[in-house]
Amino acid sequence: MSDRPRLAATSRTVTGKAVARLRQEGRLPAVVFGHGTESEAVSLDAHEFDLLRRHVGASTLVDLSVDGKQARPVVLHGTQFHKVTHRPLHVDLFAVRMTEELTAEVPLVGDGVAPAEEAGGTLVHPVSRVKVRALPGDLPEAIHYDLATLVSYDAVITVGDLSVAAGITIQAEATEIVARVLAPRVEEAAGTAEAAPAEAPAAGSENAG
C-alpha cells in the first residue's frame, strides 16, 4: 500500500455559480485533469483539503480516490483563493502517469549556519525556488544545500552548486545565485567628518609691515 498522502473526492455535476452552495456545505469544487484523460469535476471536503495543502508542495504525489474507487496519483496543480478570506475556492488536480516526466517548482532549503553571517553579515536568498523535471516518483519535495560554504562576503552558492539525484534536471541557469551573505553597512558616526579648513584672509586685509 502506498504511503503517500491520501485525498477523497466525490463526483459532482454542479457547476458555475451553483458551486457557491457546495462551499456553504463545506465542500470545495475541484477538477481532475491530465494527459490522455478527460477532465473530471469533483468536490473535496474543504477542511480535509486545507489540512493537506499545509503539508504538501507542488511536487508531492497525493493518492486521490473518487467515489471510493481505486486511488490514482495526482499533484496539486493550482489553488484559487478568496481575495479577502484567503480560503481555497477551487482546486486543479493533475493526474500523473508514473512513467512520464513532470515539471514542478521546488523550494530550496539552506541547512546549517553561514560563517559570514555569524561575522555580522546578512544572509539573502535571491532564488528560493527552482523548477525541476523528473519522473513523478523522483520529484523532490525540496532541495537542500549547505550554508557552511559561505565563509566570506565574496562567497556565493549558485544553482550549479545544488546537488540532486540522478534523473532530476534543474531548469534554471547554473550561474543564478541561490544564497550569499551581504557585508554589514558601515554607519558613519556623527561628528567624525573633518572640519573644513578656515578660509584664507582676503588679499590686502593685513596691515603692511
N, C-alpha and C. Protein backbone atom coordinates (compact mmCIF):
# COMPACT_ATOMS: atom_id res chain seq x y z
N MET A 1 0.85 -1.20 0.00
CA MET A 1 0.00 0.00 0.00
C MET A 1 0.88 1.25 0.00
N SER A 2 0.52 2.24 -0.77
CA SER A 2 1.29 3.47 -0.88
C SER A 2 1.28 4.24 0.43
N ASP A 3 2.42 4.86 0.76
CA ASP A 3 2.49 5.69 1.96
C ASP A 3 2.31 7.16 1.63
N ARG A 4 1.83 7.44 0.41
CA ARG A 4 1.59 8.83 0.01
C ARG A 4 0.38 9.40 0.73
N PRO A 5 0.30 10.73 0.85
CA PRO A 5 -0.90 11.35 1.43
C PRO A 5 -2.13 10.97 0.61
N ARG A 6 -3.27 10.84 1.26
CA ARG A 6 -4.48 10.42 0.58
C ARG A 6 -5.53 11.54 0.62
N LEU A 7 -6.37 11.57 -0.42
CA LEU A 7 -7.42 12.58 -0.52
C LEU A 7 -8.64 11.92 -1.15
N ALA A 8 -9.79 12.11 -0.52
CA ALA A 8 -11.05 11.54 -1.04
C ALA A 8 -11.84 12.62 -1.76
N ALA A 9 -12.46 12.25 -2.87
CA ALA A 9 -13.26 13.18 -3.66
C ALA A 9 -14.58 12.53 -4.04
N THR A 10 -15.53 13.39 -4.39
CA THR A 10 -16.85 12.94 -4.83
C THR A 10 -17.17 13.56 -6.17
N SER A 11 -17.69 12.77 -7.10
CA SER A 11 -18.07 13.32 -8.40
C SER A 11 -19.13 14.39 -8.20
N ARG A 12 -19.10 15.42 -9.05
CA ARG A 12 -20.12 16.47 -8.95
C ARG A 12 -20.62 16.85 -10.34
N THR A 13 -21.88 17.27 -10.36
CA THR A 13 -22.49 17.77 -11.60
C THR A 13 -22.77 19.26 -11.48
N VAL A 14 -22.68 19.78 -10.27
CA VAL A 14 -22.93 21.21 -10.04
C VAL A 14 -21.77 22.02 -10.59
N THR A 15 -22.08 23.05 -11.39
CA THR A 15 -21.05 23.91 -11.97
C THR A 15 -21.49 25.36 -11.90
N GLY A 16 -20.62 26.25 -12.35
CA GLY A 16 -20.97 27.67 -12.41
C GLY A 16 -21.22 28.28 -11.04
N LYS A 17 -22.17 29.21 -11.00
CA LYS A 17 -22.47 29.92 -9.75
C LYS A 17 -23.05 29.00 -8.69
N ALA A 18 -23.59 27.87 -9.11
CA ALA A 18 -24.22 26.95 -8.16
C ALA A 18 -23.22 26.32 -7.19
N VAL A 19 -21.91 26.40 -7.53
CA VAL A 19 -20.92 25.80 -6.63
C VAL A 19 -20.83 26.56 -5.32
N ALA A 20 -21.40 27.77 -5.26
CA ALA A 20 -21.39 28.53 -4.01
C ALA A 20 -22.09 27.75 -2.91
N ARG A 21 -23.14 27.01 -3.29
CA ARG A 21 -23.86 26.20 -2.30
C ARG A 21 -22.98 25.07 -1.79
N LEU A 22 -22.18 24.50 -2.67
CA LEU A 22 -21.25 23.45 -2.26
C LEU A 22 -20.32 23.97 -1.17
N ARG A 23 -19.79 25.17 -1.38
CA ARG A 23 -18.86 25.75 -0.40
C ARG A 23 -19.56 25.98 0.93
N GLN A 24 -20.83 26.38 0.88
CA GLN A 24 -21.59 26.58 2.12
C GLN A 24 -21.77 25.28 2.89
N GLU A 25 -21.75 24.18 2.15
CA GLU A 25 -21.91 22.86 2.77
C GLU A 25 -20.56 22.25 3.18
N GLY A 26 -19.48 23.06 3.05
CA GLY A 26 -18.18 22.58 3.45
C GLY A 26 -17.46 21.77 2.39
N ARG A 27 -17.93 21.86 1.14
CA ARG A 27 -17.29 21.15 0.04
C ARG A 27 -16.52 22.14 -0.83
N LEU A 28 -15.46 21.67 -1.44
CA LEU A 28 -14.61 22.51 -2.28
C LEU A 28 -14.61 21.97 -3.71
N PRO A 29 -15.05 22.77 -4.69
CA PRO A 29 -15.05 22.29 -6.08
C PRO A 29 -13.63 22.10 -6.60
N ALA A 30 -13.44 21.07 -7.40
CA ALA A 30 -12.13 20.77 -7.96
C ALA A 30 -12.30 20.12 -9.31
N VAL A 31 -11.21 20.12 -10.08
CA VAL A 31 -11.19 19.45 -11.39
C VAL A 31 -9.96 18.58 -11.46
N VAL A 32 -10.14 17.34 -11.93
CA VAL A 32 -9.02 16.42 -12.15
C VAL A 32 -8.78 16.36 -13.65
N PHE A 33 -7.55 16.58 -14.07
CA PHE A 33 -7.24 16.53 -15.50
C PHE A 33 -5.83 15.98 -15.67
N GLY A 34 -5.49 15.63 -16.91
CA GLY A 34 -4.17 15.09 -17.20
C GLY A 34 -4.06 14.67 -18.64
N HIS A 35 -2.86 14.32 -19.05
CA HIS A 35 -2.64 13.89 -20.43
C HIS A 35 -3.38 12.58 -20.71
N GLY A 36 -4.14 12.57 -21.80
CA GLY A 36 -4.83 11.35 -22.19
C GLY A 36 -6.01 10.99 -21.32
N THR A 37 -6.50 11.94 -20.53
CA THR A 37 -7.67 11.66 -19.70
C THR A 37 -8.63 12.84 -19.76
N GLU A 38 -9.91 12.57 -19.68
CA GLU A 38 -10.91 13.62 -19.73
C GLU A 38 -10.97 14.33 -18.38
N SER A 39 -11.23 15.63 -18.42
CA SER A 39 -11.37 16.40 -17.19
C SER A 39 -12.58 15.89 -16.41
N GLU A 40 -12.42 15.83 -15.10
CA GLU A 40 -13.48 15.29 -14.25
C GLU A 40 -13.77 16.28 -13.13
N ALA A 41 -15.03 16.70 -13.02
CA ALA A 41 -15.43 17.62 -11.96
C ALA A 41 -15.70 16.85 -10.68
N VAL A 42 -15.07 17.25 -9.60
CA VAL A 42 -15.24 16.58 -8.31
C VAL A 42 -15.36 17.63 -7.22
N SER A 43 -15.67 17.18 -6.02
CA SER A 43 -15.66 18.07 -4.86
C SER A 43 -14.87 17.39 -3.74
N LEU A 44 -14.26 18.21 -2.89
CA LEU A 44 -13.44 17.73 -1.79
C LEU A 44 -14.00 18.26 -0.48
N ASP A 45 -13.70 17.56 0.60
CA ASP A 45 -14.01 18.10 1.92
C ASP A 45 -13.07 19.28 2.16
N ALA A 46 -13.63 20.47 2.35
CA ALA A 46 -12.82 21.68 2.45
C ALA A 46 -11.83 21.62 3.61
N HIS A 47 -12.26 21.10 4.75
CA HIS A 47 -11.38 21.03 5.91
C HIS A 47 -10.25 20.02 5.67
N GLU A 48 -10.59 18.88 5.09
CA GLU A 48 -9.59 17.86 4.80
C GLU A 48 -8.53 18.39 3.83
N PHE A 49 -8.99 19.12 2.80
CA PHE A 49 -8.03 19.66 1.84
C PHE A 49 -7.16 20.73 2.48
N ASP A 50 -7.73 21.55 3.33
CA ASP A 50 -6.96 22.61 3.98
C ASP A 50 -5.83 22.03 4.82
N LEU A 51 -6.11 20.93 5.50
CA LEU A 51 -5.07 20.26 6.30
C LEU A 51 -3.99 19.68 5.39
N LEU A 52 -4.42 19.13 4.26
CA LEU A 52 -3.47 18.50 3.34
C LEU A 52 -2.53 19.53 2.73
N ARG A 53 -3.09 20.64 2.24
CA ARG A 53 -2.27 21.59 1.49
C ARG A 53 -1.20 22.25 2.36
N ARG A 54 -1.37 22.21 3.67
CA ARG A 54 -0.39 22.78 4.58
C ARG A 54 0.86 21.91 4.71
N HIS A 55 0.75 20.68 4.23
CA HIS A 55 1.86 19.73 4.41
C HIS A 55 2.42 19.18 3.10
N VAL A 56 1.88 19.63 1.97
CA VAL A 56 2.38 19.12 0.69
C VAL A 56 2.75 20.29 -0.21
N GLY A 57 3.66 20.02 -1.14
CA GLY A 57 4.06 21.03 -2.11
C GLY A 57 3.60 20.67 -3.50
N ALA A 58 4.05 21.47 -4.47
CA ALA A 58 3.63 21.27 -5.86
C ALA A 58 4.18 19.98 -6.45
N SER A 59 5.21 19.42 -5.81
CA SER A 59 5.81 18.20 -6.35
C SER A 59 5.43 16.95 -5.56
N THR A 60 4.56 17.11 -4.56
CA THR A 60 4.17 15.98 -3.72
C THR A 60 3.07 15.16 -4.38
N LEU A 61 3.29 13.87 -4.50
CA LEU A 61 2.25 12.99 -5.05
C LEU A 61 1.22 12.69 -3.99
N VAL A 62 -0.04 12.79 -4.38
CA VAL A 62 -1.17 12.53 -3.49
C VAL A 62 -2.04 11.45 -4.12
N ASP A 63 -2.45 10.47 -3.34
CA ASP A 63 -3.34 9.42 -3.85
C ASP A 63 -4.79 9.90 -3.74
N LEU A 64 -5.42 10.13 -4.90
CA LEU A 64 -6.79 10.62 -4.95
C LEU A 64 -7.75 9.48 -5.27
N SER A 65 -8.78 9.35 -4.44
CA SER A 65 -9.82 8.35 -4.67
C SER A 65 -11.13 9.09 -4.91
N VAL A 66 -11.78 8.82 -6.05
CA VAL A 66 -13.05 9.46 -6.39
C VAL A 66 -14.17 8.45 -6.21
N ASP A 67 -15.14 8.82 -5.38
CA ASP A 67 -16.29 7.95 -5.10
C ASP A 67 -15.87 6.58 -4.57
N GLY A 68 -14.79 6.55 -3.82
CA GLY A 68 -14.34 5.30 -3.20
C GLY A 68 -13.64 4.34 -4.13
N LYS A 69 -13.40 4.77 -5.37
CA LYS A 69 -12.73 3.88 -6.34
C LYS A 69 -11.22 3.85 -6.08
N GLN A 70 -10.53 3.01 -6.84
CA GLN A 70 -9.09 2.86 -6.66
C GLN A 70 -8.37 4.20 -6.80
N ALA A 71 -7.45 4.46 -5.89
CA ALA A 71 -6.74 5.73 -5.86
C ALA A 71 -5.77 5.84 -7.03
N ARG A 72 -5.54 7.07 -7.47
CA ARG A 72 -4.56 7.34 -8.52
C ARG A 72 -3.73 8.54 -8.10
N PRO A 73 -2.47 8.61 -8.53
CA PRO A 73 -1.60 9.70 -8.09
C PRO A 73 -1.91 11.01 -8.82
N VAL A 74 -1.96 12.08 -8.03
CA VAL A 74 -2.16 13.42 -8.58
C VAL A 74 -1.22 14.38 -7.86
N VAL A 75 -1.04 15.56 -8.45
CA VAL A 75 -0.34 16.64 -7.76
C VAL A 75 -1.26 17.85 -7.73
N LEU A 76 -1.06 18.70 -6.73
CA LEU A 76 -1.85 19.92 -6.62
C LEU A 76 -1.31 20.91 -7.63
N HIS A 77 -2.01 21.03 -8.75
CA HIS A 77 -1.52 21.85 -9.85
C HIS A 77 -1.76 23.33 -9.60
N GLY A 78 -2.83 23.66 -8.92
CA GLY A 78 -3.14 25.06 -8.65
C GLY A 78 -4.33 25.20 -7.73
N THR A 79 -4.31 26.25 -6.92
CA THR A 79 -5.42 26.52 -5.99
C THR A 79 -5.81 27.98 -6.10
N GLN A 80 -7.10 28.23 -6.29
CA GLN A 80 -7.62 29.59 -6.34
C GLN A 80 -8.10 29.98 -4.94
N PHE A 81 -7.68 31.17 -4.47
CA PHE A 81 -8.03 31.60 -3.12
C PHE A 81 -8.91 32.84 -3.15
N HIS A 82 -9.73 32.98 -2.10
CA HIS A 82 -10.57 34.17 -1.94
C HIS A 82 -9.66 35.36 -1.63
N LYS A 83 -9.92 36.50 -2.25
CA LYS A 83 -9.04 37.66 -2.10
C LYS A 83 -9.05 38.23 -0.68
N VAL A 84 -10.14 38.05 0.04
CA VAL A 84 -10.25 38.62 1.38
C VAL A 84 -9.97 37.59 2.47
N THR A 85 -10.66 36.46 2.42
CA THR A 85 -10.51 35.45 3.47
C THR A 85 -9.31 34.53 3.25
N HIS A 86 -8.81 34.51 2.00
CA HIS A 86 -7.67 33.65 1.61
C HIS A 86 -7.99 32.16 1.75
N ARG A 87 -9.27 31.83 1.78
CA ARG A 87 -9.66 30.43 1.83
C ARG A 87 -9.71 29.86 0.40
N PRO A 88 -9.40 28.58 0.23
CA PRO A 88 -9.44 27.98 -1.10
C PRO A 88 -10.85 28.05 -1.69
N LEU A 89 -10.92 28.36 -2.99
CA LEU A 89 -12.20 28.43 -3.70
C LEU A 89 -12.32 27.32 -4.73
N HIS A 90 -11.18 26.93 -5.30
CA HIS A 90 -11.20 25.92 -6.37
C HIS A 90 -9.81 25.31 -6.48
N VAL A 91 -9.78 24.02 -6.83
CA VAL A 91 -8.51 23.31 -6.90
C VAL A 91 -8.39 22.59 -8.24
N ASP A 92 -7.20 22.66 -8.83
CA ASP A 92 -6.87 21.89 -10.03
C ASP A 92 -5.95 20.74 -9.61
N LEU A 93 -6.35 19.52 -9.92
CA LEU A 93 -5.57 18.33 -9.59
C LEU A 93 -5.09 17.70 -10.88
N PHE A 94 -3.78 17.53 -11.02
CA PHE A 94 -3.22 16.96 -12.24
C PHE A 94 -2.94 15.48 -12.03
N ALA A 95 -3.61 14.65 -12.82
CA ALA A 95 -3.42 13.20 -12.73
C ALA A 95 -2.15 12.82 -13.48
N VAL A 96 -1.19 12.24 -12.78
CA VAL A 96 0.12 11.96 -13.38
C VAL A 96 0.20 10.52 -13.85
N ARG A 97 1.11 10.31 -14.79
CA ARG A 97 1.49 8.96 -15.21
C ARG A 97 2.89 8.74 -14.68
N MET A 98 3.07 7.68 -13.93
CA MET A 98 4.33 7.45 -13.24
C MET A 98 5.50 7.22 -14.20
N THR A 99 5.19 6.99 -15.49
CA THR A 99 6.25 6.75 -16.47
C THR A 99 6.55 7.99 -17.31
N GLU A 100 5.85 9.10 -17.03
CA GLU A 100 6.06 10.33 -17.79
C GLU A 100 6.64 11.40 -16.88
N GLU A 101 7.67 12.10 -17.36
CA GLU A 101 8.31 13.14 -16.56
C GLU A 101 7.37 14.32 -16.33
N LEU A 102 7.55 14.98 -15.19
CA LEU A 102 6.78 16.15 -14.81
C LEU A 102 7.73 17.31 -14.54
N THR A 103 7.23 18.52 -14.70
CA THR A 103 7.96 19.71 -14.27
C THR A 103 7.23 20.32 -13.10
N ALA A 104 7.95 20.59 -12.02
CA ALA A 104 7.33 21.15 -10.83
C ALA A 104 8.28 22.14 -10.18
N GLU A 105 7.72 23.10 -9.46
CA GLU A 105 8.52 24.09 -8.74
C GLU A 105 8.81 23.56 -7.34
N VAL A 106 10.09 23.59 -6.97
CA VAL A 106 10.53 23.00 -5.71
C VAL A 106 11.24 24.06 -4.87
N PRO A 107 10.95 24.12 -3.57
CA PRO A 107 11.64 25.09 -2.70
C PRO A 107 13.09 24.69 -2.43
N LEU A 108 13.93 25.70 -2.23
CA LEU A 108 15.33 25.48 -1.86
C LEU A 108 15.47 25.75 -0.37
N VAL A 109 16.19 24.88 0.34
CA VAL A 109 16.32 24.99 1.79
C VAL A 109 17.79 25.01 2.17
N GLY A 110 18.23 26.08 2.83
CA GLY A 110 19.60 26.17 3.29
C GLY A 110 19.74 25.54 4.67
N ASP A 111 20.70 24.64 4.82
CA ASP A 111 20.93 23.96 6.10
C ASP A 111 22.19 24.48 6.76
N GLY A 112 22.18 24.47 8.08
CA GLY A 112 23.36 24.88 8.82
C GLY A 112 23.46 26.39 8.99
N VAL A 113 24.68 26.87 9.24
CA VAL A 113 24.91 28.29 9.51
C VAL A 113 26.00 28.80 8.57
N ALA A 114 25.81 30.00 8.06
CA ALA A 114 26.81 30.64 7.21
C ALA A 114 27.81 31.38 8.09
N PRO A 115 29.09 31.02 8.06
CA PRO A 115 30.09 31.71 8.89
C PRO A 115 30.12 33.22 8.66
N ALA A 116 29.93 33.65 7.42
CA ALA A 116 29.96 35.08 7.13
C ALA A 116 28.78 35.81 7.78
N GLU A 117 27.66 35.10 7.96
CA GLU A 117 26.51 35.71 8.64
C GLU A 117 26.83 35.87 10.13
N GLU A 118 27.48 34.86 10.72
CA GLU A 118 27.85 34.95 12.14
C GLU A 118 28.84 36.08 12.39
N ALA A 119 29.60 36.43 11.34
CA ALA A 119 30.58 37.50 11.47
C ALA A 119 29.94 38.89 11.37
N GLY A 120 28.63 38.93 11.15
CA GLY A 120 27.92 40.21 11.12
C GLY A 120 27.23 40.53 9.83
N GLY A 121 27.32 39.66 8.83
CA GLY A 121 26.67 39.91 7.56
C GLY A 121 25.20 39.53 7.56
N THR A 122 24.55 39.76 6.42
CA THR A 122 23.12 39.46 6.27
C THR A 122 22.93 38.39 5.20
N LEU A 123 22.34 37.27 5.57
CA LEU A 123 22.10 36.17 4.64
C LEU A 123 20.91 36.51 3.75
N VAL A 124 21.08 36.39 2.43
CA VAL A 124 19.99 36.66 1.49
C VAL A 124 19.84 35.47 0.55
N HIS A 125 18.62 35.30 0.05
CA HIS A 125 18.30 34.19 -0.85
C HIS A 125 17.68 34.75 -2.13
N PRO A 126 18.48 35.18 -3.10
CA PRO A 126 17.92 35.73 -4.34
C PRO A 126 17.02 34.74 -5.08
N VAL A 127 17.32 33.46 -4.97
CA VAL A 127 16.48 32.42 -5.58
C VAL A 127 16.07 31.45 -4.49
N SER A 128 14.77 31.31 -4.27
CA SER A 128 14.29 30.43 -3.19
C SER A 128 13.53 29.21 -3.72
N ARG A 129 13.26 29.19 -5.04
CA ARG A 129 12.55 28.05 -5.65
C ARG A 129 13.10 27.85 -7.06
N VAL A 130 13.12 26.62 -7.51
CA VAL A 130 13.54 26.32 -8.88
C VAL A 130 12.59 25.29 -9.49
N LYS A 131 12.51 25.29 -10.81
CA LYS A 131 11.74 24.27 -11.50
C LYS A 131 12.63 23.06 -11.77
N VAL A 132 12.09 21.89 -11.52
CA VAL A 132 12.83 20.66 -11.81
C VAL A 132 11.96 19.76 -12.66
N ARG A 133 12.63 18.89 -13.41
CA ARG A 133 11.91 17.92 -14.24
C ARG A 133 12.41 16.53 -13.91
N ALA A 134 11.46 15.62 -13.67
CA ALA A 134 11.81 14.24 -13.31
C ALA A 134 10.56 13.39 -13.40
N LEU A 135 10.74 12.08 -13.29
CA LEU A 135 9.59 11.19 -13.17
C LEU A 135 8.86 11.52 -11.88
N PRO A 136 7.53 11.38 -11.84
CA PRO A 136 6.77 11.75 -10.66
C PRO A 136 7.31 11.15 -9.36
N GLY A 137 7.73 9.91 -9.41
CA GLY A 137 8.23 9.27 -8.20
C GLY A 137 9.58 9.78 -7.74
N ASP A 138 10.27 10.53 -8.61
CA ASP A 138 11.61 11.04 -8.28
C ASP A 138 11.60 12.51 -7.91
N LEU A 139 10.46 13.18 -8.05
CA LEU A 139 10.41 14.61 -7.76
C LEU A 139 10.70 14.87 -6.28
N PRO A 140 11.68 15.71 -5.97
CA PRO A 140 11.96 16.02 -4.56
C PRO A 140 10.96 17.04 -4.03
N GLU A 141 10.67 16.96 -2.74
CA GLU A 141 9.79 17.96 -2.14
C GLU A 141 10.55 19.25 -1.86
N ALA A 142 11.88 19.14 -1.74
CA ALA A 142 12.74 20.31 -1.54
C ALA A 142 14.16 19.91 -1.92
N ILE A 143 14.96 20.91 -2.23
CA ILE A 143 16.39 20.70 -2.50
C ILE A 143 17.17 21.41 -1.41
N HIS A 144 18.00 20.66 -0.69
CA HIS A 144 18.77 21.21 0.42
C HIS A 144 20.19 21.54 -0.03
N TYR A 145 20.77 22.57 0.59
CA TYR A 145 22.17 22.92 0.33
C TYR A 145 22.80 23.40 1.64
N ASP A 146 24.14 23.35 1.69
CA ASP A 146 24.87 23.63 2.92
C ASP A 146 25.34 25.08 2.96
N LEU A 147 24.93 25.81 3.99
CA LEU A 147 25.31 27.22 4.13
C LEU A 147 26.74 27.39 4.64
N ALA A 148 27.36 26.30 5.08
CA ALA A 148 28.70 26.39 5.67
C ALA A 148 29.74 26.87 4.66
N THR A 149 29.43 26.79 3.36
CA THR A 149 30.40 27.22 2.35
C THR A 149 30.47 28.74 2.23
N LEU A 150 29.54 29.45 2.84
CA LEU A 150 29.54 30.92 2.77
C LEU A 150 30.45 31.46 3.87
N VAL A 151 31.76 31.37 3.63
CA VAL A 151 32.74 31.75 4.66
C VAL A 151 33.17 33.20 4.54
N SER A 152 32.81 33.86 3.43
CA SER A 152 33.18 35.26 3.25
C SER A 152 32.06 35.98 2.51
N TYR A 153 32.18 37.31 2.42
CA TYR A 153 31.16 38.10 1.73
C TYR A 153 31.26 37.96 0.22
N ASP A 154 32.35 37.37 -0.26
CA ASP A 154 32.51 37.15 -1.69
C ASP A 154 31.99 35.78 -2.12
N ALA A 155 31.76 34.89 -1.15
CA ALA A 155 31.31 33.53 -1.46
C ALA A 155 29.84 33.52 -1.85
N VAL A 156 29.48 32.67 -2.81
CA VAL A 156 28.09 32.53 -3.23
C VAL A 156 27.78 31.05 -3.45
N ILE A 157 26.50 30.73 -3.35
CA ILE A 157 26.01 29.40 -3.73
C ILE A 157 25.11 29.60 -4.94
N THR A 158 25.41 28.90 -6.02
CA THR A 158 24.64 29.07 -7.26
C THR A 158 23.82 27.81 -7.54
N VAL A 159 22.96 27.91 -8.53
CA VAL A 159 22.16 26.76 -8.95
C VAL A 159 23.08 25.61 -9.34
N GLY A 160 24.21 25.93 -9.95
CA GLY A 160 25.15 24.91 -10.36
C GLY A 160 25.77 24.15 -9.20
N ASP A 161 25.70 24.73 -8.00
CA ASP A 161 26.26 24.07 -6.81
C ASP A 161 25.26 23.10 -6.17
N LEU A 162 24.01 23.15 -6.59
CA LEU A 162 22.99 22.30 -5.98
C LEU A 162 23.19 20.85 -6.38
N SER A 163 22.98 19.98 -5.44
CA SER A 163 23.15 18.54 -5.69
C SER A 163 21.78 17.86 -5.71
N VAL A 164 21.49 17.16 -6.82
CA VAL A 164 20.23 16.43 -6.94
C VAL A 164 20.52 15.01 -7.40
N ALA A 165 19.57 14.12 -7.18
CA ALA A 165 19.74 12.72 -7.55
C ALA A 165 19.72 12.56 -9.07
N ALA A 166 20.24 11.44 -9.53
CA ALA A 166 20.24 11.13 -10.96
C ALA A 166 18.80 11.08 -11.47
N GLY A 167 18.59 11.61 -12.67
CA GLY A 167 17.25 11.60 -13.26
C GLY A 167 16.48 12.87 -12.99
N ILE A 168 17.07 13.79 -12.19
CA ILE A 168 16.40 15.06 -11.88
C ILE A 168 17.15 16.18 -12.59
N THR A 169 16.44 16.98 -13.36
CA THR A 169 17.05 18.09 -14.08
C THR A 169 16.52 19.41 -13.52
N ILE A 170 17.44 20.30 -13.12
CA ILE A 170 17.04 21.62 -12.65
C ILE A 170 16.94 22.55 -13.85
N GLN A 171 15.79 23.17 -14.03
CA GLN A 171 15.56 24.04 -15.19
C GLN A 171 15.78 25.50 -14.80
N ALA A 172 17.04 25.83 -14.60
CA ALA A 172 17.43 27.20 -14.26
C ALA A 172 18.89 27.38 -14.66
N GLU A 173 19.29 28.64 -14.86
CA GLU A 173 20.68 28.92 -15.22
C GLU A 173 21.61 28.54 -14.08
N ALA A 174 22.70 27.84 -14.42
CA ALA A 174 23.64 27.37 -13.40
C ALA A 174 24.28 28.52 -12.64
N THR A 175 24.35 29.70 -13.25
CA THR A 175 25.01 30.84 -12.62
C THR A 175 24.10 31.65 -11.68
N GLU A 176 22.81 31.32 -11.65
CA GLU A 176 21.90 32.05 -10.77
C GLU A 176 22.31 31.85 -9.32
N ILE A 177 22.36 32.96 -8.56
CA ILE A 177 22.78 32.90 -7.17
C ILE A 177 21.61 32.48 -6.28
N VAL A 178 21.85 31.44 -5.50
CA VAL A 178 20.84 30.91 -4.58
C VAL A 178 20.95 31.57 -3.21
N ALA A 179 22.17 31.76 -2.74
CA ALA A 179 22.38 32.35 -1.42
C ALA A 179 23.74 33.02 -1.36
N ARG A 180 23.80 34.09 -0.57
CA ARG A 180 25.06 34.79 -0.32
C ARG A 180 24.90 35.61 0.96
N VAL A 181 26.00 36.12 1.47
CA VAL A 181 25.95 36.94 2.67
C VAL A 181 26.45 38.33 2.31
N LEU A 182 25.63 39.33 2.60
CA LEU A 182 25.99 40.71 2.31
C LEU A 182 26.79 41.28 3.48
N ALA A 183 27.81 42.07 3.17
CA ALA A 183 28.63 42.70 4.21
C ALA A 183 27.79 43.71 4.98
N PRO A 184 28.07 43.89 6.28
CA PRO A 184 27.30 44.86 7.07
C PRO A 184 27.55 46.28 6.58
N ARG A 185 26.54 47.13 6.70
CA ARG A 185 26.69 48.52 6.31
C ARG A 185 27.54 49.25 7.35
N VAL A 186 28.44 50.08 6.87
CA VAL A 186 29.28 50.86 7.78
C VAL A 186 28.60 52.20 7.99
N GLU A 187 28.14 52.43 9.22
CA GLU A 187 27.44 53.68 9.52
C GLU A 187 28.45 54.72 9.98
N GLU A 188 28.37 55.88 9.38
CA GLU A 188 29.27 56.96 9.76
C GLU A 188 28.81 57.54 11.09
N ALA A 189 29.75 57.61 12.03
CA ALA A 189 29.44 58.20 13.33
C ALA A 189 29.28 59.70 13.19
N ALA A 190 28.33 60.26 13.93
CA ALA A 190 28.08 61.69 13.84
C ALA A 190 29.29 62.46 14.34
N GLY A 191 29.67 63.50 13.61
CA GLY A 191 30.77 64.35 14.06
C GLY A 191 32.15 63.86 13.69
N THR A 192 32.24 62.79 12.90
CA THR A 192 33.55 62.25 12.56
C THR A 192 34.14 62.93 11.33
N ALA A 193 33.29 63.61 10.60
CA ALA A 193 33.79 64.31 9.41
C ALA A 193 34.74 65.43 9.83
N GLU A 194 35.85 65.56 9.13
CA GLU A 194 36.81 66.60 9.48
C GLU A 194 36.24 67.97 9.16
N ALA A 195 36.57 68.93 10.02
CA ALA A 195 36.09 70.29 9.80
C ALA A 195 36.75 70.88 8.57
N ALA A 196 36.01 71.68 7.84
CA ALA A 196 36.57 72.31 6.64
C ALA A 196 37.62 73.32 7.05
N PRO A 197 38.70 73.44 6.29
CA PRO A 197 39.76 74.41 6.64
C PRO A 197 39.23 75.83 6.59
N ALA A 198 39.78 76.68 7.47
CA ALA A 198 39.33 78.07 7.53
C ALA A 198 39.69 78.78 6.24
N GLU A 199 38.83 79.71 5.84
CA GLU A 199 39.09 80.44 4.61
C GLU A 199 40.29 81.36 4.77
N ALA A 200 41.08 81.49 3.74
CA ALA A 200 42.25 82.37 3.79
C ALA A 200 41.79 83.83 3.82
N PRO A 201 42.47 84.67 4.51
CA PRO A 201 42.06 86.09 4.57
C PRO A 201 42.14 86.74 3.20
N ALA A 202 41.26 87.68 2.97
CA ALA A 202 41.22 88.35 1.67
C ALA A 202 42.52 89.12 1.44
N ALA A 203 42.92 89.19 0.18
CA ALA A 203 44.16 89.87 -0.15
C ALA A 203 44.09 91.32 0.25
N GLY A 204 45.18 91.82 0.92
CA GLY A 204 45.25 93.25 1.31
C GLY A 204 44.56 93.55 2.60
N SER A 205 44.03 92.50 3.29
CA SER A 205 43.33 92.79 4.55
C SER A 205 44.28 92.93 5.71
N GLU A 206 45.54 92.44 5.55
CA GLU A 206 46.52 92.56 6.63
C GLU A 206 47.27 93.88 6.51
N ASN A 207 47.67 94.47 7.65
CA ASN A 207 48.44 95.71 7.64
C ASN A 207 49.82 95.47 7.08
N ALA A 208 50.29 96.33 6.24
CA ALA A 208 51.63 96.18 5.69
C ALA A 208 52.64 96.44 6.77
N GLY A 209 53.72 95.66 6.89
CA GLY A 209 54.67 95.79 7.95
C GLY A 209 55.69 96.83 7.72
